Amino acid sequence: MDVKQLDRGEMIAALGGVLLAISVFLAWYSLGNSNAVLNGCRGPNTSCSGWHSLTILRFLLLVAAIAPAILAYIIVRGHALSWPRGELTAVTALVALTFILFRGVIDKPGTPSGEISVDFGWWVALLGGLLILAGSIWRARESGARRKPPGVL
């Protein structure tokens, strides 16, 4: 085990994973009036955490938050992989970001949807997902196969 093999990319991705895991338990949505209902949370002027408002997605986000720790473990242990290190973590981050953006911008849970707005926990989740993506791309670029220019054997 060589902890010195971890670079800035893994640290950024790990910070993003911690932020994403914490954000699931923060307030994701604000309920505007007394008619707003979101999985047991009722308005007016209340907030609902990601854990209470997202049913299956909360577990997927927690799995995505663990991905940078798995990447760091693979790097510290020096395991050989058949793909560049960090690529699978980048794909996981992209999936998590897609779900976060979908549930915050396109299709907010609860009814009526006009009375439900995103709260600071959603923004923390978005930042965490972006940090995981940036850190894993950083690592994938460093450990990827180097290409030769055309015409060089």
C-alpha atoms as a PDB file:
ATOM      1  CA  MET A   1       0.000   0.000   0.000  1.00  0.00           C
ATOM      2  CA  ASP A   2       1.473   3.282  -1.143  1.00  0.00           C
ATOM      3  CA  VAL A   3      -0.590   6.304  -0.125  1.00  0.00           C
ATOM      4  CA  LYS A   4       1.833   8.585  -1.995  1.00  0.00           C
ATOM      5  CA  GLN A   5       0.383   7.382  -5.300  1.00  0.00           C
ATOM      6  CA  LEU A   6      -2.783   9.383  -4.619  1.00  0.00           C
ATOM      7  CA  ASP A   7      -2.711  12.697  -6.429  1.00  0.00           C
ATOM      8  CA  ARG A   8      -4.837  15.817  -6.562  1.00  0.00           C
ATOM      9  CA  GLY A   9      -7.481  14.139  -8.727  1.00  0.00           C
ATOM     10  CA  GLU A  10      -8.304  11.512  -6.137  1.00  0.00           C
ATOM     11  CA  MET A  11      -8.446  14.112  -3.370  1.00  0.00           C
ATOM     12  CA  ILE A  12     -10.870  16.240  -5.407  1.00  0.00           C
ATOM     13  CA  ALA A  13     -13.020  13.204  -6.213  1.00  0.00           C
ATOM     14  CA  ALA A  14     -12.999  12.069  -2.568  1.00  0.00           C
ATOM     15  CA  LEU A  15     -14.101  15.525  -1.433  1.00  0.00           C
ATOM     16  CA  GLY A  16     -16.899  15.375  -3.993  1.00  0.00           C
ATOM     17  CA  GLY A  17     -17.934  11.958  -2.687  1.00  0.00           C
ATOM     18  CA  VAL A  18     -18.128  13.262   0.867  1.00  0.00           C
ATOM     19  CA  LEU A  19     -20.189  16.262  -0.267  1.00  0.00           C
ATOM     20  CA  LEU A  20     -22.541  14.046  -2.270  1.00  0.00           C
ATOM     21  CA  ALA A  21     -23.055  11.684   0.675  1.00  0.00           C
ATOM     22  CA  ILE A  22     -23.734  14.559   3.078  1.00  0.00           C
ATOM     23  CA  SER A  23     -26.095  16.272   0.639  1.00  0.00           C
ATOM     24  CA  VAL A  24     -28.517  13.338   0.694  1.00  0.00           C
ATOM     25  CA  PHE A  25     -29.331  14.249   4.299  1.00  0.00           C
ATOM     26  CA  LEU A  26     -29.624  18.017   3.701  1.00  0.00           C
ATOM     27  CA  ALA A  27     -32.714  19.924   2.574  1.00  0.00           C
ATOM     28  CA  TRP A  28     -33.186  19.379  -1.174  1.00  0.00           C
ATOM     29  CA  TYR A  29     -36.599  20.925  -1.708  1.00  0.00           C
ATOM     30  CA  SER A  30     -38.571  23.825  -0.261  1.00  0.00           C
ATOM     31  CA  LEU A  31     -42.347  23.578  -0.162  1.00  0.00           C
ATOM     32  CA  GLY A  32     -44.072  26.848  -0.909  1.00  0.00           C
ATOM     33  CA  ASN A  33     -47.695  26.782   0.257  1.00  0.00           C
ATOM     34  CA  SER A  34     -50.039  24.633   2.351  1.00  0.00           C
ATOM     35  CA  ASN A  35     -51.061  22.527  -0.662  1.00  0.00           C
ATOM     36  CA  ALA A  36     -47.495  21.340  -1.396  1.00  0.00           C
ATOM     37  CA  VAL A  37     -46.922  17.674  -0.534  1.00  0.00           C
ATOM     38  CA  LEU A  38     -43.716  15.695  -1.032  1.00  0.00           C
ATOM     39  CA  ASN A  39     -43.475  12.142   0.383  1.00  0.00           C
ATOM     40  CA  GLY A  40     -44.736  12.999   3.848  1.00  0.00           C
ATOM     41  CA  CYS A  41     -43.353  16.547   3.908  1.00  0.00           C
ATOM     42  CA  ARG A  42     -46.111  19.157   3.852  1.00  0.00           C
ATOM     43  CA  GLY A  43     -45.962  22.909   3.297  1.00  0.00           C
ATOM     44  CA  PRO A  44     -46.123  25.804   3.893  1.00  0.00           C
ATOM     45  CA  ASN A  45     -42.586  27.153   4.142  1.00  0.00           C
ATOM     46  CA  THR A  46     -40.957  23.841   5.039  1.00  0.00           C
ATOM     47  CA  SER A  47     -38.122  21.892   3.501  1.00  0.00           C
ATOM     48  CA  CYS A  48     -37.677  18.224   2.703  1.00  0.00           C
ATOM     49  CA  SER A  49     -34.343  16.403   2.747  1.00  0.00           C
ATOM     50  CA  GLY A  50     -33.059  14.274  -0.081  1.00  0.00           C
ATOM     51  CA  TRP A  51     -33.450  11.201   2.094  1.00  0.00           C
ATOM     52  CA  HIS A  52     -37.184  11.848   2.583  1.00  0.00           C
ATOM     53  CA  SER A  53     -37.962  13.088  -0.911  1.00  0.00           C
ATOM     54  CA  LEU A  54     -36.003  10.660  -3.091  1.00  0.00           C
ATOM     55  CA  THR A  55     -36.993   7.013  -2.816  1.00  0.00           C
ATOM     56  CA  ILE A  56     -34.615   4.858  -4.889  1.00  0.00           C
ATOM     57  CA  LEU A  57     -32.371   7.686  -6.026  1.00  0.00           C
ATOM     58  CA  ARG A  58     -31.035   8.258  -2.501  1.00  0.00           C
ATOM     59  CA  PHE A  59     -29.373   4.838  -2.561  1.00  0.00           C
ATOM     60  CA  LEU A  60     -27.963   5.381  -6.052  1.00  0.00           C
ATOM     61  CA  LEU A  61     -26.452   8.693  -4.966  1.00  0.00           C
ATOM     62  CA  LEU A  62     -24.865   7.061  -1.914  1.00  0.00           C
ATOM     63  CA  VAL A  63     -23.343   4.364  -4.152  1.00  0.00           C
ATOM     64  CA  ALA A  64     -22.006   7.087  -6.454  1.00  0.00           C
ATOM     65  CA  ALA A  65     -20.517   8.822  -3.410  1.00  0.00           C
ATOM     66  CA  ILE A  66     -18.578   5.654  -2.542  1.00  0.00           C
ATOM     67  CA  ALA A  67     -17.026   5.383  -6.035  1.00  0.00           C
ATOM     68  CA  PRO A  68     -14.121   7.830  -5.347  1.00  0.00           C
ATOM     69  CA  ALA A  69     -13.172   5.882  -2.229  1.00  0.00           C
ATOM     70  CA  ILE A  70     -13.056   2.687  -4.294  1.00  0.00           C
ATOM     71  CA  LEU A  71     -10.886   4.461  -6.883  1.00  0.00           C
ATOM     72  CA  ALA A  72      -8.500   5.621  -4.150  1.00  0.00           C
ATOM     73  CA  TYR A  73      -8.345   2.092  -2.721  1.00  0.00           C
ATOM     74  CA  ILE A  74      -7.504   0.654  -6.158  1.00  0.00           C
ATOM     75  CA  ILE A  75      -4.730   3.205  -6.636  1.00  0.00           C
ATOM     76  CA  VAL A  76      -3.263   2.751  -3.157  1.00  0.00           C
ATOM     77  CA  ARG A  77      -3.227  -1.037  -3.530  1.00  0.00           C
ATOM     78  CA  GLY A  78      -1.734  -0.811  -7.036  1.00  0.00           C
ATOM     79  CA  HIS A  79      -4.266  -3.116  -8.662  1.00  0.00           C
ATOM     80  CA  ALA A  80      -3.940  -3.653 -12.403  1.00  0.00           C
ATOM     81  CA  LEU A  81      -7.025  -2.716 -14.386  1.00  0.00           C
ATOM     82  CA  SER A  82      -7.973  -3.304 -17.998  1.00  0.00           C
ATOM     83  CA  TRP A  83      -9.176   0.297 -18.343  1.00  0.00           C
ATOM     84  CA  PRO A  84      -7.607   3.608 -17.332  1.00  0.00           C
ATOM     85  CA  ARG A  85      -8.073   4.336 -13.645  1.00  0.00           C
ATOM     86  CA  GLY A  86     -10.806   6.847 -13.038  1.00  0.00           C
ATOM     87  CA  GLU A  87     -12.930   6.078 -16.102  1.00  0.00           C
ATOM     88  CA  LEU A  88     -15.549   4.055 -14.245  1.00  0.00           C
ATOM     89  CA  THR A  89     -15.726   6.700 -11.531  1.00  0.00           C
ATOM     90  CA  ALA A  90     -16.265   9.349 -14.228  1.00  0.00           C
ATOM     91  CA  VAL A  91     -19.134   7.334 -15.701  1.00  0.00           C
ATOM     92  CA  THR A  92     -20.640   6.935 -12.230  1.00  0.00           C
ATOM     93  CA  ALA A  93     -20.346  10.697 -11.671  1.00  0.00           C
ATOM     94  CA  LEU A  94     -22.048  11.409 -14.996  1.00  0.00           C
ATOM     95  CA  VAL A  95     -24.947   9.125 -14.095  1.00  0.00           C
ATOM     96  CA  ALA A  96     -25.284  10.775 -10.675  1.00  0.00           C
ATOM     97  CA  LEU A  97     -25.159  14.257 -12.223  1.00  0.00           C
ATOM     98  CA  THR A  98     -27.833  13.270 -14.727  1.00  0.00           C
ATOM     99  CA  PHE A  99     -30.136  12.114 -11.933  1.00  0.00           C
ATOM    100  CA  ILE A 100     -29.417  15.201  -9.835  1.00  0.00           C
ATOM    101  CA  LEU A 101     -30.154  17.576 -12.707  1.00  0.00           C
ATOM    102  CA  PHE A 102     -33.264  15.639 -13.712  1.00  0.00           C
ATOM    103  CA  ARG A 103     -34.766  15.691 -10.210  1.00  0.00           C
ATOM    104  CA  GLY A 104     -33.844  19.326  -9.610  1.00  0.00           C
ATOM    105  CA  VAL A 105     -34.537  21.009 -12.938  1.00  0.00           C
ATOM    106  CA  ILE A 106     -36.715  18.850 -15.179  1.00  0.00           C
ATOM    107  CA  ASP A 107     -38.960  16.760 -12.919  1.00  0.00           C
ATOM    108  CA  LYS A 108     -39.179  17.834  -9.293  1.00  0.00           C
ATOM    109  CA  PRO A 109     -40.995  15.358  -7.057  1.00  0.00           C
ATOM    110  CA  GLY A 110     -44.186  16.262  -5.225  1.00  0.00           C
ATOM    111  CA  THR A 111     -47.339  18.152  -6.064  1.00  0.00           C
ATOM    112  CA  PRO A 112     -47.995  20.837  -7.198  1.00  0.00           C
ATOM    113  CA  SER A 113     -44.633  21.069  -8.929  1.00  0.00           C
ATOM    114  CA  GLY A 114     -44.839  24.859  -9.184  1.00  0.00           C
ATOM    115  CA  GLU A 115     -44.742  25.177  -5.396  1.00  0.00           C
ATOM    116  CA  ILE A 116     -41.637  23.038  -4.936  1.00  0.00           C
ATOM    117  CA  SER A 117     -38.220  24.609  -5.419  1.00  0.00           C
ATOM    118  CA  VAL A 118     -34.681  23.342  -4.935  1.00  0.00           C
ATOM    119  CA  ASP A 119     -32.906  24.075  -1.683  1.00  0.00           C
ATOM    120  CA  PHE A 120     -29.210  24.208  -0.701  1.00  0.00           C
ATOM    121  CA  GLY A 121     -28.848  20.408  -0.412  1.00  0.00           C
ATOM    122  CA  TRP A 122     -29.488  20.030  -4.133  1.00  0.00           C
ATOM    123  CA  TRP A 123     -26.747  22.557  -4.866  1.00  0.00           C
ATOM    124  CA  VAL A 124     -24.334  20.689  -2.573  1.00  0.00           C
ATOM    125  CA  ALA A 125     -25.165  17.451  -4.428  1.00  0.00           C
ATOM    126  CA  LEU A 126     -24.541  19.160  -7.760  1.00  0.00           C
ATOM    127  CA  LEU A 127     -21.170  20.457  -6.538  1.00  0.00           C
ATOM    128  CA  GLY A 128     -20.251  17.023  -5.167  1.00  0.00           C
ATOM    129  CA  GLY A 129     -21.082  15.341  -8.464  1.00  0.00           C
ATOM    130  CA  LEU A 130     -19.057  17.887 -10.413  1.00  0.00           C
ATOM    131  CA  LEU A 131     -16.064  17.404  -8.094  1.00  0.00           C
ATOM    132  CA  ILE A 132     -16.229  13.627  -8.491  1.00  0.00           C
ATOM    133  CA  LEU A 133     -16.343  14.047 -12.260  1.00  0.00           C
ATOM    134  CA  ALA A 134     -13.448  16.521 -12.344  1.00  0.00           C
ATOM    135  CA  GLY A 135     -11.242  14.402 -10.078  1.00  0.00           C
ATOM    136  CA  SER A 136     -11.904  11.169 -11.922  1.00  0.00           C
ATOM    137  CA  ILE A 137     -11.294  12.761 -15.331  1.00  0.00           C
ATOM    138  CA  TRP A 138      -8.034  14.159 -13.972  1.00  0.00           C
ATOM    139  CA  ARG A 139      -6.956  10.656 -12.939  1.00  0.00           C
ATOM    140  CA  ALA A 140      -8.140   9.004 -16.169  1.00  0.00           C
ATOM    141  CA  ARG A 141      -6.116  11.458 -18.264  1.00  0.00           C
ATOM    142  CA  GLU A 142      -2.947  10.745 -16.281  1.00  0.00           C
ATOM    143  CA  SER A 143      -3.231   6.961 -16.343  1.00  0.00           C
ATOM    144  CA  GLY A 144      -4.644   6.525 -19.840  1.00  0.00           C
ATOM    145  CA  ALA A 145      -2.727   4.923 -22.672  1.00  0.00           C
ATOM    146  CA  ARG A 146      -0.500   7.378 -24.511  1.00  0.00           C
ATOM    147  CA  ARG A 147      -1.203   7.559 -28.220  1.00  0.00           C
ATOM    148  CA  LYS A 148       1.434   7.969 -30.859  1.00  0.00           C
ATOM    149  CA  PRO A 149       0.992  10.418 -33.689  1.00  0.00           C
ATOM    150  CA  PRO A 150      -0.085   9.009 -37.067  1.00  0.00           C
ATOM    151  CA  GLY A 151       2.722   7.420 -39.089  1.00  0.00           C
ATOM    152  CA  VAL A 152       4.865   6.518 -36.058  1.00  0.00           C
ATOM    153  CA  LEU A 153       5.404   2.839 -35.345  1.00  0.00           C
END
